[in-house]
Amino acid sequence: MTVGERLKQIRGRVPLREFAEPLGVTATQISAIEHDKSGLSVDLAIKIAKIHNVSLDWLLMGEETKPQNSAAQQNSPSEYITITKDELIELQRHALKTKTDALKELENELHSKNIHQVLRSEP
């Protein structure tokens, strides 16, 4: 079994882009490695081994037995959360509204303090 075949086994049915994103590479790079058109860098191998709980010996050389935790089992909800684009936009809107409300509150507080200072400084 080649490194590419072992990488395919780790990825399972996870889409290429979804698999590649936490590794900081593109889906094209993962595909090239899986099809043995490109080599696997040491840095990327280490990331894959850590994220997917496989040994470097197994990933790079096929030695040892692969742990039962494949990508499909490893990507539990506690590690990755999948949301839609609309849900992400809504979360960003909510965060922006919260920050905007806090800023308005600070502006009102500053305005109120400035009025009091002006009133105190008048003769």
PDB file of N, CA and C in Angstrom:
ATOM      1  N   MET A   1       0.850  -1.176   0.000  1.00  0.00           N
ATOM      2  CA  MET A   1       0.000   0.000   0.000  1.00  0.00           C
ATOM      3  C   MET A   1       0.897   1.241   0.000  1.00  0.00           C
ATOM      4  N   THR A   2       0.574   2.213  -0.851  1.00  0.00           N
ATOM      5  CA  THR A   2       1.382   3.433  -0.955  1.00  0.00           C
ATOM      6  C   THR A   2       0.949   4.463   0.091  1.00  0.00           C
ATOM      7  N   VAL A   3       1.750   5.522   0.241  1.00  0.00           N
ATOM      8  CA  VAL A   3       1.398   6.619   1.139  1.00  0.00           C
ATOM      9  C   VAL A   3       0.053   7.209   0.701  1.00  0.00           C
ATOM     10  N   GLY A   4      -0.112   7.372  -0.601  1.00  0.00           N
ATOM     11  CA  GLY A   4      -1.370   7.907  -1.117  1.00  0.00           C
ATOM     12  C   GLY A   4      -2.565   7.052  -0.760  1.00  0.00           C
ATOM     13  N   GLU A   5      -2.415   5.750  -0.856  1.00  0.00           N
ATOM     14  CA  GLU A   5      -3.508   4.835  -0.503  1.00  0.00           C
ATOM     15  C   GLU A   5      -3.812   4.898   0.993  1.00  0.00           C
ATOM     16  N   ARG A   6      -2.769   5.023   1.806  1.00  0.00           N
ATOM     17  CA  ARG A   6      -2.991   5.149   3.249  1.00  0.00           C
ATOM     18  C   ARG A   6      -3.687   6.471   3.565  1.00  0.00           C
ATOM     19  N   LEU A   7      -3.307   7.532   2.844  1.00  0.00           N
ATOM     20  CA  LEU A   7      -3.955   8.825   3.047  1.00  0.00           C
ATOM     21  C   LEU A   7      -5.433   8.749   2.661  1.00  0.00           C
ATOM     22  N   LYS A   8      -5.738   8.064   1.569  1.00  0.00           N
ATOM     23  CA  LYS A   8      -7.137   7.862   1.167  1.00  0.00           C
ATOM     24  C   LYS A   8      -7.898   7.122   2.259  1.00  0.00           C
ATOM     25  N   GLN A   9      -7.237   6.139   2.842  1.00  0.00           N
ATOM     26  CA  GLN A   9      -7.877   5.346   3.897  1.00  0.00           C
ATOM     27  C   GLN A   9      -8.178   6.228   5.110  1.00  0.00           C
ATOM     28  N   ILE A  10      -7.250   7.097   5.459  1.00  0.00           N
ATOM     29  CA  ILE A  10      -7.468   8.004   6.591  1.00  0.00           C
ATOM     30  C   ILE A  10      -8.630   8.946   6.293  1.00  0.00           C
ATOM     31  N   ARG A  11      -8.643   9.508   5.082  1.00  0.00           N
ATOM     32  CA  ARG A  11      -9.670  10.484   4.707  1.00  0.00           C
ATOM     33  C   ARG A  11     -11.049   9.856   4.650  1.00  0.00           C
ATOM     34  N   GLY A  12     -11.111   8.594   4.237  1.00  0.00           N
ATOM     35  CA  GLY A  12     -12.408   7.930   4.136  1.00  0.00           C
ATOM     36  C   GLY A  12     -13.309   8.655   3.160  1.00  0.00           C
ATOM     37  N   ARG A  13     -14.523   8.972   3.594  1.00  0.00           N
ATOM     38  CA  ARG A  13     -15.496   9.648   2.717  1.00  0.00           C
ATOM     39  C   ARG A  13     -15.558  11.152   2.954  1.00  0.00           C
ATOM     40  N   VAL A  14     -14.647  11.651   3.759  1.00  0.00           N
ATOM     41  CA  VAL A  14     -14.607  13.093   4.016  1.00  0.00           C
ATOM     42  C   VAL A  14     -14.212  13.796   2.715  1.00  0.00           C
ATOM     43  N   PRO A  15     -14.941  14.846   2.316  1.00  0.00           N
ATOM     44  CA  PRO A  15     -14.579  15.561   1.088  1.00  0.00           C
ATOM     45  C   PRO A  15     -13.150  16.110   1.153  1.00  0.00           C
ATOM     46  N   LEU A  16     -12.489  16.126  -0.004  1.00  0.00           N
ATOM     47  CA  LEU A  16     -11.093  16.579  -0.067  1.00  0.00           C
ATOM     48  C   LEU A  16     -10.890  17.935   0.588  1.00  0.00           C
ATOM     49  N   ARG A  17     -11.735  18.894   0.256  1.00  0.00           N
ATOM     50  CA  ARG A  17     -11.558  20.255   0.786  1.00  0.00           C
ATOM     51  C   ARG A  17     -11.707  20.280   2.304  1.00  0.00           C
ATOM     52  N   GLU A  18     -12.678  19.545   2.799  1.00  0.00           N
ATOM     53  CA  GLU A  18     -12.913  19.472   4.239  1.00  0.00           C
ATOM     54  C   GLU A  18     -11.735  18.797   4.954  1.00  0.00           C
ATOM     55  N   PHE A  19     -11.157  17.800   4.318  1.00  0.00           N
ATOM     56  CA  PHE A  19     -10.005  17.101   4.881  1.00  0.00           C
ATOM     57  C   PHE A  19      -8.768  17.998   4.857  1.00  0.00           C
ATOM     58  N   ALA A  20      -8.593  18.755   3.776  1.00  0.00           N
ATOM     59  CA  ALA A  20      -7.389  19.559   3.571  1.00  0.00           C
ATOM     60  C   ALA A  20      -7.355  20.812   4.441  1.00  0.00           C
ATOM     61  N   GLU A  21      -8.513  21.408   4.688  1.00  0.00           N
ATOM     62  CA  GLU A  21      -8.572  22.705   5.374  1.00  0.00           C
ATOM     63  C   GLU A  21      -7.840  22.742   6.719  1.00  0.00           C
ATOM     64  N   PRO A  22      -8.118  21.818   7.653  1.00  0.00           N
ATOM     65  CA  PRO A  22      -7.413  21.898   8.941  1.00  0.00           C
ATOM     66  C   PRO A  22      -5.913  21.622   8.824  1.00  0.00           C
ATOM     67  N   LEU A  23      -5.508  21.071   7.698  1.00  0.00           N
ATOM     68  CA  LEU A  23      -4.089  20.781   7.486  1.00  0.00           C
ATOM     69  C   LEU A  23      -3.357  21.967   6.873  1.00  0.00           C
ATOM     70  N   GLY A  24      -4.113  22.971   6.428  1.00  0.00           N
ATOM     71  CA  GLY A  24      -3.514  24.148   5.826  1.00  0.00           C
ATOM     72  C   GLY A  24      -3.013  23.927   4.414  1.00  0.00           C
ATOM     73  N   VAL A  25      -3.626  22.984   3.707  1.00  0.00           N
ATOM     74  CA  VAL A  25      -3.264  22.705   2.317  1.00  0.00           C
ATOM     75  C   VAL A  25      -4.532  22.716   1.470  1.00  0.00           C
ATOM     76  N   THR A  26      -4.362  22.604   0.166  1.00  0.00           N
ATOM     77  CA  THR A  26      -5.521  22.594  -0.730  1.00  0.00           C
ATOM     78  C   THR A  26      -5.982  21.172  -1.002  1.00  0.00           C
ATOM     79  N   ALA A  27      -7.206  21.089  -1.478  1.00  0.00           N
ATOM     80  CA  ALA A  27      -7.752  19.789  -1.875  1.00  0.00           C
ATOM     81  C   ALA A  27      -6.921  19.203  -3.020  1.00  0.00           C
ATOM     82  N   THR A  28      -6.425  20.065  -3.890  1.00  0.00           N
ATOM     83  CA  THR A  28      -5.592  19.618  -5.011  1.00  0.00           C
ATOM     84  C   THR A  28      -4.317  18.953  -4.514  1.00  0.00           C
ATOM     85  N   GLN A  29      -3.712  19.526  -3.479  1.00  0.00           N
ATOM     86  CA  GLN A  29      -2.486  18.937  -2.923  1.00  0.00           C
ATOM     87  C   GLN A  29      -2.769  17.555  -2.333  1.00  0.00           C
ATOM     88  N   ILE A  30      -3.873  17.426  -1.609  1.00  0.00           N
ATOM     89  CA  ILE A  30      -4.231  16.127  -1.023  1.00  0.00           C
ATOM     90  C   ILE A  30      -4.498  15.120  -2.133  1.00  0.00           C
ATOM     91  N   SER A  31      -5.224  15.540  -3.152  1.00  0.00           N
ATOM     92  CA  SER A  31      -5.523  14.651  -4.274  1.00  0.00           C
ATOM     93  C   SER A  31      -4.237  14.169  -4.954  1.00  0.00           C
ATOM     94  N   ALA A  32      -3.290  15.071  -5.153  1.00  0.00           N
ATOM     95  CA  ALA A  32      -2.019  14.701  -5.795  1.00  0.00           C
ATOM     96  C   ALA A  32      -1.268  13.669  -4.955  1.00  0.00           C
ATOM     97  N   ILE A  33      -1.305  13.821  -3.649  1.00  0.00           N
ATOM     98  CA  ILE A  33      -0.630  12.862  -2.763  1.00  0.00           C
ATOM     99  C   ILE A  33      -1.358  11.518  -2.818  1.00  0.00           C
ATOM    100  N   GLU A  34      -2.689  11.561  -2.764  1.00  0.00           N
ATOM    101  CA  GLU A  34      -3.470  10.324  -2.805  1.00  0.00           C
ATOM    102  C   GLU A  34      -3.249   9.548  -4.105  1.00  0.00           C
ATOM    103  N   HIS A  35      -3.007  10.251  -5.182  1.00  0.00           N
ATOM    104  CA  HIS A  35      -2.776   9.592  -6.480  1.00  0.00           C
ATOM    105  C   HIS A  35      -1.288   9.379  -6.757  1.00  0.00           C
ATOM    106  N   ASP A  36      -0.481   9.555  -5.708  1.00  0.00           N
ATOM    107  CA  ASP A  36       0.976   9.347  -5.778  1.00  0.00           C
ATOM    108  C   ASP A  36       1.642  10.192  -6.869  1.00  0.00           C
ATOM    109  N   LYS A  37       1.083  11.366  -7.125  1.00  0.00           N
ATOM    110  CA  LYS A  37       1.683  12.294  -8.075  1.00  0.00           C
ATOM    111  C   LYS A  37       2.567  13.307  -7.360  1.00  0.00           C
ATOM    112  N   SER A  38       2.434  13.357  -6.050  1.00  0.00           N
ATOM    113  CA  SER A  38       3.208  14.278  -5.236  1.00  0.00           C
ATOM    114  C   SER A  38       3.584  13.581  -3.943  1.00  0.00           C
ATOM    115  N   GLY A  39       4.719  13.973  -3.409  1.00  0.00           N
ATOM    116  CA  GLY A  39       5.158  13.389  -2.148  1.00  0.00           C
ATOM    117  C   GLY A  39       4.511  14.068  -0.960  1.00  0.00           C
ATOM    118  N   LEU A  40       4.633  13.452   0.170  1.00  0.00           N
ATOM    119  CA  LEU A  40       4.090  13.965   1.420  1.00  0.00           C
ATOM    120  C   LEU A  40       5.229  14.583   2.210  1.00  0.00           C
ATOM    121  N   SER A  41       5.146  15.894   2.484  1.00  0.00           N
ATOM    122  CA  SER A  41       6.208  16.548   3.251  1.00  0.00           C
ATOM    123  C   SER A  41       6.170  16.067   4.697  1.00  0.00           C
ATOM    124  N   VAL A  42       7.279  16.208   5.366  1.00  0.00           N
ATOM    125  CA  VAL A  42       7.363  15.789   6.768  1.00  0.00           C
ATOM    126  C   VAL A  42       6.394  16.610   7.614  1.00  0.00           C
ATOM    127  N   ASP A  43       6.358  17.920   7.369  1.00  0.00           N
ATOM    128  CA  ASP A  43       5.450  18.778   8.143  1.00  0.00           C
ATOM    129  C   ASP A  43       3.996  18.356   7.978  1.00  0.00           C
ATOM    130  N   LEU A  44       3.598  18.091   6.735  1.00  0.00           N
ATOM    131  CA  LEU A  44       2.225  17.680   6.484  1.00  0.00           C
ATOM    132  C   LEU A  44       1.953  16.299   7.083  1.00  0.00           C
ATOM    133  N   ALA A  45       2.909  15.407   6.990  1.00  0.00           N
ATOM    134  CA  ALA A  45       2.747  14.068   7.577  1.00  0.00           C
ATOM    135  C   ALA A  45       2.526  14.165   9.085  1.00  0.00           C
ATOM    136  N   ILE A  46       3.277  15.038   9.736  1.00  0.00           N
ATOM    137  CA  ILE A  46       3.136  15.220  11.191  1.00  0.00           C
ATOM    138  C   ILE A  46       1.745  15.751  11.516  1.00  0.00           C
ATOM    139  N   LYS A  47       1.275  16.749  10.750  1.00  0.00           N
ATOM    140  CA  LYS A  47      -0.070  17.291  10.985  1.00  0.00           C
ATOM    141  C   LYS A  47      -1.134  16.210  10.812  1.00  0.00           C
ATOM    142  N   ILE A  48      -1.015  15.440   9.750  1.00  0.00           N
ATOM    143  CA  ILE A  48      -1.998  14.372   9.489  1.00  0.00           C
ATOM    144  C   ILE A  48      -1.982  13.364  10.629  1.00  0.00           C
ATOM    145  N   ALA A  49      -0.788  12.957  11.040  1.00  0.00           N
ATOM    146  CA  ALA A  49      -0.668  11.969  12.116  1.00  0.00           C
ATOM    147  C   ALA A  49      -1.301  12.476  13.409  1.00  0.00           C
ATOM    148  N   LYS A  50      -1.058  13.739  13.736  1.00  0.00           N
ATOM    149  CA  LYS A  50      -1.619  14.301  14.975  1.00  0.00           C
ATOM    150  C   LYS A  50      -3.131  14.445  14.893  1.00  0.00           C
ATOM    151  N   ILE A  51      -3.611  15.046  13.808  1.00  0.00           N
ATOM    152  CA  ILE A  51      -5.043  15.305  13.691  1.00  0.00           C
ATOM    153  C   ILE A  51      -5.854  14.020  13.588  1.00  0.00           C
ATOM    154  N   HIS A  52      -5.315  13.024  12.883  1.00  0.00           N
ATOM    155  CA  HIS A  52      -6.085  11.809  12.617  1.00  0.00           C
ATOM    156  C   HIS A  52      -5.636  10.606  13.440  1.00  0.00           C
ATOM    157  N   ASN A  53      -4.770  10.861  14.402  1.00  0.00           N
ATOM    158  CA  ASN A  53      -4.378   9.839  15.377  1.00  0.00           C
ATOM    159  C   ASN A  53      -3.839   8.570  14.714  1.00  0.00           C
ATOM    160  N   VAL A  54      -2.893   8.767  13.809  1.00  0.00           N
ATOM    161  CA  VAL A  54      -2.202   7.629  13.201  1.00  0.00           C
ATOM    162  C   VAL A  54      -0.713   7.822  13.441  1.00  0.00           C
ATOM    163  N   SER A  55       0.034   6.738  13.419  1.00  0.00           N
ATOM    164  CA  SER A  55       1.470   6.865  13.630  1.00  0.00           C
ATOM    165  C   SER A  55       2.160   7.275  12.329  1.00  0.00           C
ATOM    166  N   LEU A  56       3.252   7.995  12.474  1.00  0.00           N
ATOM    167  CA  LEU A  56       4.041   8.365  11.299  1.00  0.00           C
ATOM    168  C   LEU A  56       4.597   7.124  10.617  1.00  0.00           C
ATOM    169  N   ASP A  57       4.972   6.115  11.407  1.00  0.00           N
ATOM    170  CA  ASP A  57       5.485   4.866  10.832  1.00  0.00           C
ATOM    171  C   ASP A  57       4.453   4.244   9.892  1.00  0.00           C
ATOM    172  N   TRP A  58       3.211   4.216  10.337  1.00  0.00           N
ATOM    173  CA  TRP A  58       2.174   3.634   9.495  1.00  0.00           C
ATOM    174  C   TRP A  58       1.915   4.512   8.272  1.00  0.00           C
ATOM    175  N   LEU A  59       1.777   5.816   8.491  1.00  0.00           N
ATOM    176  CA  LEU A  59       1.455   6.724   7.392  1.00  0.00           C
ATOM    177  C   LEU A  59       2.534   6.725   6.313  1.00  0.00           C
ATOM    178  N   LEU A  60       3.786   6.805   6.726  1.00  0.00           N
ATOM    179  CA  LEU A  60       4.874   6.942   5.758  1.00  0.00           C
ATOM    180  C   LEU A  60       5.386   5.614   5.218  1.00  0.00           C
ATOM    181  N   MET A  61       5.368   4.559   6.054  1.00  0.00           N
ATOM    182  CA  MET A  61       5.991   3.307   5.630  1.00  0.00           C
ATOM    183  C   MET A  61       5.071   2.098   5.685  1.00  0.00           C
ATOM    184  N   GLY A  62       3.878   2.273   6.220  1.00  0.00           N
ATOM    185  CA  GLY A  62       2.946   1.154   6.290  1.00  0.00           C
ATOM    186  C   GLY A  62       3.258   0.186   7.410  1.00  0.00           C
ATOM    187  N   GLU A  63       4.129   0.584   8.319  1.00  0.00           N
ATOM    188  CA  GLU A  63       4.482  -0.289   9.443  1.00  0.00           C
ATOM    189  C   GLU A  63       3.515  -0.048  10.588  1.00  0.00           C
ATOM    190  N   GLU A  64       3.371  -1.033  11.444  1.00  0.00           N
ATOM    191  CA  GLU A  64       2.434  -1.049  12.555  1.00  0.00           C
ATOM    192  C   GLU A  64       1.032  -1.238  11.999  1.00  0.00           C
ATOM    193  N   THR A  65       0.109  -1.394  12.877  1.00  0.00           N
ATOM    194  CA  THR A  65      -1.272  -1.468  12.428  1.00  0.00           C
ATOM    195  C   THR A  65      -1.892  -0.098  12.620  1.00  0.00           C
ATOM    196  N   LYS A  66      -2.745   0.245  11.705  1.00  0.00           N
ATOM    197  CA  LYS A  66      -3.406   1.537  11.765  1.00  0.00           C
ATOM    198  C   LYS A  66      -4.418   1.510  12.905  1.00  0.00           C
ATOM    199  N   PRO A  67      -4.450   2.552  13.745  1.00  0.00           N
ATOM    200  CA  PRO A  67      -5.467   2.604  14.809  1.00  0.00           C
ATOM    201  C   PRO A  67      -6.869   2.606  14.210  1.00  0.00           C
ATOM    202  N   GLN A  68      -7.831   2.198  15.004  1.00  0.00           N
ATOM    203  CA  GLN A  68      -9.212   2.105  14.535  1.00  0.00           C
ATOM    204  C   GLN A  68      -9.816   3.467  14.214  1.00  0.00           C
ATOM    205  N   ASN A  69      -9.228   4.557  14.703  1.00  0.00           N
ATOM    206  CA  ASN A  69      -9.795   5.890  14.505  1.00  0.00           C
ATOM    207  C   ASN A  69      -9.513   6.384  13.098  1.00  0.00           C
ATOM    208  N   SER A  70     -10.399   6.152  12.176  1.00  0.00           N
ATOM    209  CA  SER A  70     -10.249   6.708  10.833  1.00  0.00           C
ATOM    210  C   SER A  70     -10.807   8.119  10.852  1.00  0.00           C
ATOM    211  N   ALA A  71     -10.684   8.843   9.761  1.00  0.00           N
ATOM    212  CA  ALA A  71     -11.140  10.232   9.701  1.00  0.00           C
ATOM    213  C   ALA A  71     -12.629  10.329  10.028  1.00  0.00           C
ATOM    214  N   ALA A  72     -13.401   9.394   9.518  1.00  0.00           N
ATOM    215  CA  ALA A  72     -14.838   9.451   9.750  1.00  0.00           C
ATOM    216  C   ALA A  72     -15.157   9.329  11.233  1.00  0.00           C
ATOM    217  N   GLN A  73     -14.422   8.469  11.952  1.00  0.00           N
ATOM    218  CA  GLN A  73     -14.643   8.306  13.379  1.00  0.00           C
ATOM    219  C   GLN A  73     -13.975   9.419  14.162  1.00  0.00           C
ATOM    220  N   GLN A  74     -12.824   9.878  13.709  1.00  0.00           N
ATOM    221  CA  GLN A  74     -12.037  10.861  14.431  1.00  0.00           C
ATOM    222  C   GLN A  74     -12.676  12.241  14.414  1.00  0.00           C
ATOM    223  N   ASN A  75     -13.345  12.588  13.327  1.00  0.00           N
ATOM    224  CA  ASN A  75     -13.931  13.922  13.203  1.00  0.00           C
ATOM    225  C   ASN A  75     -15.252  13.997  13.951  1.00  0.00           C
ATOM    226  N   SER A  76     -15.180  13.848  15.255  1.00  0.00           N
ATOM    227  CA  SER A  76     -16.377  13.904  16.064  1.00  0.00           C
ATOM    228  C   SER A  76     -16.826  15.352  16.219  1.00  0.00           C
ATOM    229  N   PRO A  77     -18.065  15.558  16.623  1.00  0.00           N
ATOM    230  CA  PRO A  77     -18.562  16.923  16.777  1.00  0.00           C
ATOM    231  C   PRO A  77     -17.721  17.770  17.726  1.00  0.00           C
ATOM    232  N   SER A  78     -17.021  17.146  18.660  1.00  0.00           N
ATOM    233  CA  SER A  78     -16.203  17.923  19.583  1.00  0.00           C
ATOM    234  C   SER A  78     -14.968  18.494  18.904  1.00  0.00           C
ATOM    235  N   GLU A  79     -14.588  17.956  17.753  1.00  0.00           N
ATOM    236  CA  GLU A  79     -13.404  18.442  17.062  1.00  0.00           C
ATOM    237  C   GLU A  79     -13.735  19.380  15.922  1.00  0.00           C
ATOM    238  N   TYR A  80     -14.767  19.076  15.156  1.00  0.00           N
ATOM    239  CA  TYR A  80     -15.139  19.884  14.007  1.00  0.00           C
ATOM    240  C   TYR A  80     -16.632  20.128  14.037  1.00  0.00           C
ATOM    241  N   ILE A  81     -17.004  21.325  13.689  1.00  0.00           N
ATOM    242  CA  ILE A  81     -18.411  21.661  13.590  1.00  0.00           C
ATOM    243  C   ILE A  81     -18.652  22.106  12.160  1.00  0.00           C
ATOM    244  N   THR A  82     -19.645  21.550  11.536  1.00  0.00           N
ATOM    245  CA  THR A  82     -19.978  21.931  10.178  1.00  0.00           C
ATOM    246  C   THR A  82     -21.229  22.792  10.225  1.00  0.00           C
ATOM    247  N   ILE A  83     -21.124  23.993   9.654  1.00  0.00           N
ATOM    248  CA  ILE A  83     -22.280  24.865   9.575  1.00  0.00           C
ATOM    249  C   ILE A  83     -22.409  25.359   8.139  1.00  0.00           C
ATOM    250  N   THR A  84     -23.606  25.796   7.821  1.00  0.00           N
ATOM    251  CA  THR A  84     -23.828  26.314   6.477  1.00  0.00           C
ATOM    252  C   THR A  84     -23.290  27.730   6.369  1.00  0.00           C
ATOM    253  N   LYS A  85     -23.157  28.190   5.155  1.00  0.00           N
ATOM    254  CA  LYS A  85     -22.702  29.557   4.892  1.00  0.00           C
ATOM    255  C   LYS A  85     -23.661  30.558   5.542  1.00  0.00           C
ATOM    256  N   ASP A  86     -24.967  30.298   5.436  1.00  0.00           N
ATOM    257  CA  ASP A  86     -25.962  31.192   6.029  1.00  0.00           C
ATOM    258  C   ASP A  86     -25.846  31.237   7.548  1.00  0.00           C
ATOM    259  N   GLU A  87     -25.579  30.082   8.157  1.00  0.00           N
ATOM    260  CA  GLU A  87     -25.397  30.048   9.615  1.00  0.00           C
ATOM    261  C   GLU A  87     -24.158  30.838  10.026  1.00  0.00           C
ATOM    262  N   LEU A  88     -23.090  30.719   9.247  1.00  0.00           N
ATOM    263  CA  LEU A  88     -21.874  31.472   9.531  1.00  0.00           C
ATOM    264  C   LEU A  88     -22.131  32.972   9.419  1.00  0.00           C
ATOM    265  N   ILE A  89     -22.839  33.374   8.386  1.00  0.00           N
ATOM    266  CA  ILE A  89     -23.167  34.793   8.207  1.00  0.00           C
ATOM    267  C   ILE A  89     -24.007  35.287   9.380  1.00  0.00           C
ATOM    268  N   GLU A  90     -24.955  34.489   9.803  1.00  0.00           N
ATOM    269  CA  GLU A  90     -25.804  34.879  10.940  1.00  0.00           C
ATOM    270  C   GLU A  90     -24.982  35.008  12.218  1.00  0.00           C
ATOM    271  N   LEU A  91     -24.054  34.096  12.437  1.00  0.00           N
ATOM    272  CA  LEU A  91     -23.176  34.197  13.612  1.00  0.00           C
ATOM    273  C   LEU A  91     -22.330  35.467  13.549  1.00  0.00           C
ATOM    274  N   GLN A  92     -21.828  35.788  12.367  1.00  0.00           N
ATOM    275  CA  GLN A  92     -21.033  37.001  12.209  1.00  0.00           C
ATOM    276  C   GLN A  92     -21.883  38.245  12.424  1.00  0.00           C
ATOM    277  N   ARG A  93     -23.124  38.237  11.919  1.00  0.00           N
ATOM    278  CA  ARG A  93     -24.032  39.368  12.143  1.00  0.00           C
ATOM    279  C   ARG A  93     -24.304  39.560  13.627  1.00  0.00           C
ATOM    280  N   HIS A  94     -24.543  38.456  14.320  1.00  0.00           N
ATOM    281  CA  HIS A  94     -24.813  38.534  15.758  1.00  0.00           C
ATOM    282  C   HIS A  94     -23.609  39.109  16.502  1.00  0.00           C
ATOM    283  N   ALA A  95     -22.425  38.637  16.158  1.00  0.00           N
ATOM    284  CA  ALA A  95     -21.210  39.152  16.812  1.00  0.00           C
ATOM    285  C   ALA A  95     -21.037  40.638  16.519  1.00  0.00           C
ATOM    286  N   LEU A  96     -21.296  41.038  15.290  1.00  0.00           N
ATOM    287  CA  LEU A  96     -21.174  42.448  14.915  1.00  0.00           C
ATOM    288  C   LEU A  96     -22.201  43.298  15.656  1.00  0.00           C
ATOM    289  N   LYS A  97     -23.437  42.809  15.771  1.00  0.00           N
ATOM    290  CA  LYS A  97     -24.480  43.547  16.488  1.00  0.00           C
ATOM    291  C   LYS A  97     -24.096  43.696  17.959  1.00  0.00           C
ATOM    292  N   THR A  98     -23.575  42.642  18.548  1.00  0.00           N
ATOM    293  CA  THR A  98     -23.163  42.702  19.947  1.00  0.00           C
ATOM    294  C   THR A  98     -22.074  43.752  20.136  1.00  0.00           C
ATOM    295  N   LYS A  99     -21.103  43.781  19.238  1.00  0.00           N
ATOM    296  CA  LYS A  99     -20.028  44.764  19.336  1.00  0.00           C
ATOM    297  C   LYS A  99     -20.546  46.172  19.080  1.00  0.00           C
ATOM    298  N   THR A 100     -21.461  46.313  18.128  1.00  0.00           N
ATOM    299  CA  THR A 100     -22.040  47.620  17.831  1.00  0.00           C
ATOM    300  C   THR A 100     -22.831  48.140  19.025  1.00  0.00           C
ATOM    301  N   ASP A 101     -23.607  47.280  19.648  1.00  0.00           N
ATOM    302  CA  ASP A 101     -24.376  47.675  20.836  1.00  0.00           C
ATOM    303  C   ASP A 101     -23.449  48.109  21.969  1.00  0.00           C
ATOM    304  N   ALA A 102     -22.371  47.381  22.164  1.00  0.00           N
ATOM    305  CA  ALA A 102     -21.413  47.744  23.212  1.00  0.00           C
ATOM    306  C   ALA A 102     -20.763  49.084  22.904  1.00  0.00           C
ATOM    307  N   LEU A 103     -20.451  49.324  21.635  1.00  0.00           N
ATOM    308  CA  LEU A 103     -19.857  50.592  21.230  1.00  0.00           C
ATOM    309  C   LEU A 103     -20.830  51.750  21.446  1.00  0.00           C
ATOM    310  N   LYS A 104     -22.096  51.559  21.107  1.00  0.00           N
ATOM    311  CA  LYS A 104     -23.106  52.596  21.332  1.00  0.00           C
ATOM    312  C   LYS A 104     -23.231  52.911  22.815  1.00  0.00           C
ATOM    313  N   GLU A 105     -23.198  51.890  23.629  1.00  0.00           N
ATOM    314  CA  GLU A 105     -23.281  52.071  25.075  1.00  0.00           C
ATOM    315  C   GLU A 105     -22.101  52.899  25.575  1.00  0.00           C
ATOM    316  N   LEU A 106     -20.903  52.593  25.090  1.00  0.00           N
ATOM    317  CA  LEU A 106     -19.724  53.371  25.470  1.00  0.00           C
ATOM    318  C   LEU A 106     -19.831  54.815  24.989  1.00  0.00           C
ATOM    319  N   GLU A 107     -20.314  55.010  23.771  1.00  0.00           N
ATOM    320  CA  GLU A 107     -20.482  56.363  23.237  1.00  0.00           C
ATOM    321  C   GLU A 107     -21.465  57.159  24.083  1.00  0.00           C
ATOM    322  N   ASN A 108     -22.559  56.537  24.464  1.00  0.00           N
ATOM    323  CA  ASN A 108     -23.545  57.215  25.315  1.00  0.00           C
ATOM    324  C   ASN A 108     -22.937  57.580  26.665  1.00  0.00           C
ATOM    325  N   GLU A 109     -22.175  56.672  27.214  1.00  0.00           N
ATOM    326  CA  GLU A 109     -21.527  56.927  28.507  1.00  0.00           C
ATOM    327  C   GLU A 109     -20.541  58.085  28.389  1.00  0.00           C
ATOM    328  N   LEU A 110     -19.743  58.105  27.321  1.00  0.00           N
ATOM    329  CA  LEU A 110     -18.794  59.200  27.104  1.00  0.00           C
ATOM    330  C   LEU A 110     -19.527  60.518  26.888  1.00  0.00           C
ATOM    331  N   HIS A 111     -20.593  60.483  26.112  1.00  0.00           N
ATOM    332  CA  HIS A 111     -21.379  61.689  25.855  1.00  0.00           C
ATOM    333  C   HIS A 111     -21.937  62.245  27.166  1.00  0.00           C
ATOM    334  N   SER A 112     -22.468  61.361  27.987  1.00  0.00           N
ATOM    335  CA  SER A 112     -23.028  61.761  29.273  1.00  0.00           C
ATOM    336  C   SER A 112     -21.945  62.371  30.166  1.00  0.00           C
ATOM    337  N   LYS A 113     -20.767  61.790  30.210  1.00  0.00           N
ATOM    338  CA  LYS A 113     -19.672  62.317  31.030  1.00  0.00           C
ATOM    339  C   LYS A 113     -19.209  63.672  30.513  1.00  0.00           C
ATOM    340  N   ASN A 114     -19.160  63.827  29.189  1.00  0.00           N
ATOM    341  CA  ASN A 114     -18.747  65.106  28.613  1.00  0.00           C
ATOM    342  C   ASN A 114     -19.730  66.212  28.963  1.00  0.00           C
ATOM    343  N   ILE A 115     -21.024  65.919  28.944  1.00  0.00           N
ATOM    344  CA  ILE A 115     -22.034  66.913  29.304  1.00  0.00           C
ATOM    345  C   ILE A 115     -21.835  67.345  30.751  1.00  0.00           C
ATOM    346  N   HIS A 116     -21.591  66.376  31.647  1.00  0.00           N
ATOM    347  CA  HIS A 116     -21.383  66.703  33.050  1.00  0.00           C
ATOM    348  C   HIS A 116     -20.134  67.545  33.233  1.00  0.00           C
ATOM    349  N   GLN A 117     -19.094  67.251  32.478  1.00  0.00           N
ATOM    350  CA  GLN A 117     -17.857  68.043  32.585  1.00  0.00           C
ATOM    351  C   GLN A 117     -18.080  69.465  32.081  1.00  0.00           C
ATOM    352  N   VAL A 118     -18.818  69.605  31.002  1.00  0.00           N
ATOM    353  CA  VAL A 118     -19.096  70.934  30.453  1.00  0.00           C
ATOM    354  C   VAL A 118     -19.924  71.729  31.463  1.00  0.00           C
ATOM    355  N   LEU A 119     -20.924  71.103  32.063  1.00  0.00           N
ATOM    356  CA  LEU A 119     -21.771  71.791  33.032  1.00  0.00           C
ATOM    357  C   LEU A 119     -20.961  72.213  34.256  1.00  0.00           C
ATOM    358  N   ARG A 120     -20.023  71.388  34.692  1.00  0.00           N
ATOM    359  CA  ARG A 120     -19.198  71.710  35.863  1.00  0.00           C
ATOM    360  C   ARG A 120     -18.227  72.840  35.557  1.00  0.00           C
ATOM    361  N   SER A 121     -17.782  72.944  34.323  1.00  0.00           N
ATOM    362  CA  SER A 121     -16.778  73.947  33.980  1.00  0.00           C
ATOM    363  C   SER A 121     -17.382  75.306  33.632  1.00  0.00           C
ATOM    364  N   GLU A 122     -18.741  75.389  33.469  1.00  0.00           N
ATOM    365  CA  GLU A 122     -19.372  76.673  33.172  1.00  0.00           C
ATOM    366  C   GLU A 122     -19.370  77.545  34.414  1.00  0.00           C
ATOM    367  N   PRO A 123     -19.173  78.872  34.246  1.00  0.00           N
ATOM    368  CA  PRO A 123     -19.144  79.789  35.418  1.00  0.00           C
ATOM    369  C   PRO A 123     -20.498  80.030  36.030  1.00  0.00           C
TER     370      PRO A 123
END
